[in-house]
Amino acid sequence: MHMLKLYGKQIKVNKASADKKTTEVGANIFVGNLSDAVDEKKLRDVFSQFGIVVSTRIMRDSESGSSKSFGFVSYDNFEASDLAI
């Protein structure tokens, strides 16, 4: 999915980590450069082709509610997250 165009923008996909020094990341992936037209449902629909999506979250501005153009997809296993990347 990395660099695939979604609503005209090339998305960036890689393993998610709150702490870049951590080597054990989990089955969570970061998805960047999202179009404002992408919501959690669309994100789930696109990434569910690789495995069972546990959750999706698009980060939003707390005041305006507008997308910050990135989000996270969590899978139930590492293999699915690796396939998505």
C-alpha atoms as a PDB file:
ATOM      1  CA  MET A   1       0.000   0.000   0.000  1.00  0.00           C
ATOM      2  CA  HIS A   2       2.987   2.300   0.461  1.00  0.00           C
ATOM      3  CA  MET A   3       2.897   5.039  -2.191  1.00  0.00           C
ATOM      4  CA  LEU A   4      -0.460   3.837  -3.564  1.00  0.00           C
ATOM      5  CA  LYS A   5      -2.681   6.709  -4.668  1.00  0.00           C
ATOM      6  CA  LEU A   6      -5.864   7.155  -2.619  1.00  0.00           C
ATOM      7  CA  TYR A   7      -8.073  10.077  -3.653  1.00  0.00           C
ATOM      8  CA  GLY A   8      -5.221  11.448  -5.737  1.00  0.00           C
ATOM      9  CA  LYS A   9      -2.559  11.459  -3.006  1.00  0.00           C
ATOM     10  CA  GLN A  10       0.229   8.916  -2.543  1.00  0.00           C
ATOM     11  CA  ILE A  11      -0.192   7.468   0.929  1.00  0.00           C
ATOM     12  CA  LYS A  12       2.761   6.562   3.131  1.00  0.00           C
ATOM     13  CA  VAL A  13       2.553   3.324   5.096  1.00  0.00           C
ATOM     14  CA  ASN A  14       4.970   1.925   7.671  1.00  0.00           C
ATOM     15  CA  LYS A  15       5.057   0.291  11.091  1.00  0.00           C
ATOM     16  CA  ALA A  16       3.726   2.533  13.842  1.00  0.00           C
ATOM     17  CA  SER A  17       5.639   3.222  17.011  1.00  0.00           C
ATOM     18  CA  ALA A  18       5.180   5.824  19.713  1.00  0.00           C
ATOM     19  CA  ASP A  19       8.823   5.329  20.620  1.00  0.00           C
ATOM     20  CA  LYS A  20      11.175   5.116  17.624  1.00  0.00           C
ATOM     21  CA  LYS A  21      13.734   3.232  19.783  1.00  0.00           C
ATOM     22  CA  THR A  22      11.307   0.343  20.287  1.00  0.00           C
ATOM     23  CA  THR A  23      11.947  -2.609  17.990  1.00  0.00           C
ATOM     24  CA  GLU A  24       8.773  -4.492  18.956  1.00  0.00           C
ATOM     25  CA  VAL A  25       6.081  -2.448  17.265  1.00  0.00           C
ATOM     26  CA  GLY A  26       3.057  -4.705  17.017  1.00  0.00           C
ATOM     27  CA  ALA A  27       0.489  -5.105  14.285  1.00  0.00           C
ATOM     28  CA  ASN A  28      -0.166  -1.356  14.009  1.00  0.00           C
ATOM     29  CA  ILE A  29       0.719   0.644  10.936  1.00  0.00           C
ATOM     30  CA  PHE A  30       0.996   4.359  10.298  1.00  0.00           C
ATOM     31  CA  VAL A  31      -0.718   5.743   7.197  1.00  0.00           C
ATOM     32  CA  GLY A  32       0.356   9.208   6.149  1.00  0.00           C
ATOM     33  CA  ASN A  33      -0.456  11.783   3.482  1.00  0.00           C
ATOM     34  CA  LEU A  34      -4.180  11.011   3.571  1.00  0.00           C
ATOM     35  CA  SER A  35      -6.661  13.073   1.620  1.00  0.00           C
ATOM     36  CA  ASP A  36      -9.304  14.961   3.594  1.00  0.00           C
ATOM     37  CA  ALA A  37     -11.863  12.773   1.795  1.00  0.00           C
ATOM     38  CA  VAL A  38     -10.614   9.631   3.600  1.00  0.00           C
ATOM     39  CA  ASP A  39     -12.515   8.692   6.761  1.00  0.00           C
ATOM     40  CA  GLU A  40     -12.167   5.735   9.135  1.00  0.00           C
ATOM     41  CA  LYS A  41     -14.605   3.600   7.130  1.00  0.00           C
ATOM     42  CA  LYS A  42     -12.724   4.161   3.862  1.00  0.00           C
ATOM     43  CA  LEU A  43      -9.423   3.418   5.599  1.00  0.00           C
ATOM     44  CA  ARG A  44     -10.880   0.142   6.954  1.00  0.00           C
ATOM     45  CA  ASP A  45     -12.312  -0.791   3.546  1.00  0.00           C
ATOM     46  CA  VAL A  46      -8.995  -0.249   1.761  1.00  0.00           C
ATOM     47  CA  PHE A  47      -6.793  -2.022   4.325  1.00  0.00           C
ATOM     48  CA  SER A  48      -9.127  -4.944   5.150  1.00  0.00           C
ATOM     49  CA  GLN A  49      -7.984  -6.755   2.009  1.00  0.00           C
ATOM     50  CA  PHE A  50      -4.807  -7.718   3.901  1.00  0.00           C
ATOM     51  CA  GLY A  51      -6.375  -9.162   7.043  1.00  0.00           C
ATOM     52  CA  ILE A  52      -8.706  -8.519   9.950  1.00  0.00           C
ATOM     53  CA  VAL A  53      -8.643  -4.828  10.871  1.00  0.00           C
ATOM     54  CA  VAL A  54      -9.123  -4.369  14.603  1.00  0.00           C
ATOM     55  CA  SER A  55      -9.366  -0.574  14.453  1.00  0.00           C
ATOM     56  CA  THR A  56      -8.733   2.472  12.313  1.00  0.00           C
ATOM     57  CA  ARG A  57      -8.124   5.989  13.506  1.00  0.00           C
ATOM     58  CA  ILE A  58      -7.573   9.212  11.620  1.00  0.00           C
ATOM     59  CA  MET A  59      -5.953  11.922  13.674  1.00  0.00           C
ATOM     60  CA  ARG A  60      -7.951  15.137  13.724  1.00  0.00           C
ATOM     61  CA  ASP A  61      -7.460  18.699  14.893  1.00  0.00           C
ATOM     62  CA  SER A  62      -9.128  19.029  18.295  1.00  0.00           C
ATOM     63  CA  GLU A  63     -10.642  22.437  17.525  1.00  0.00           C
ATOM     64  CA  SER A  64     -11.744  22.172  13.905  1.00  0.00           C
ATOM     65  CA  GLY A  65     -12.158  18.405  13.605  1.00  0.00           C
ATOM     66  CA  SER A  66     -10.351  18.433  10.269  1.00  0.00           C
ATOM     67  CA  SER A  67      -8.014  15.603   9.341  1.00  0.00           C
ATOM     68  CA  LYS A  68      -4.330  15.959  10.136  1.00  0.00           C
ATOM     69  CA  SER A  69      -3.708  13.809   7.013  1.00  0.00           C
ATOM     70  CA  PHE A  70      -2.460  10.745   8.887  1.00  0.00           C
ATOM     71  CA  GLY A  71      -3.879   7.844  10.827  1.00  0.00           C
ATOM     72  CA  PHE A  72      -3.359   4.325  12.107  1.00  0.00           C
ATOM     73  CA  VAL A  73      -4.618   0.869  11.163  1.00  0.00           C
ATOM     74  CA  SER A  74      -4.419  -1.994  13.676  1.00  0.00           C
ATOM     75  CA  TYR A  75      -4.518  -5.620  12.576  1.00  0.00           C
ATOM     76  CA  ASP A  76      -5.070  -8.742  14.625  1.00  0.00           C
ATOM     77  CA  ASN A  77      -1.671 -10.172  13.594  1.00  0.00           C
ATOM     78  CA  PHE A  78       1.787  -9.184  12.360  1.00  0.00           C
ATOM     79  CA  GLU A  79       1.479 -10.965   9.027  1.00  0.00           C
ATOM     80  CA  ALA A  80      -1.459  -8.803   7.954  1.00  0.00           C
ATOM     81  CA  SER A  81       0.338  -5.585   8.881  1.00  0.00           C
ATOM     82  CA  ASP A  82       3.431  -6.699   6.974  1.00  0.00           C
ATOM     83  CA  LEU A  83       1.318  -7.537   3.911  1.00  0.00           C
ATOM     84  CA  ALA A  84      -0.346  -4.126   4.003  1.00  0.00           C
ATOM     85  CA  ILE A  85       2.989  -2.357   4.068  1.00  0.00           C
END
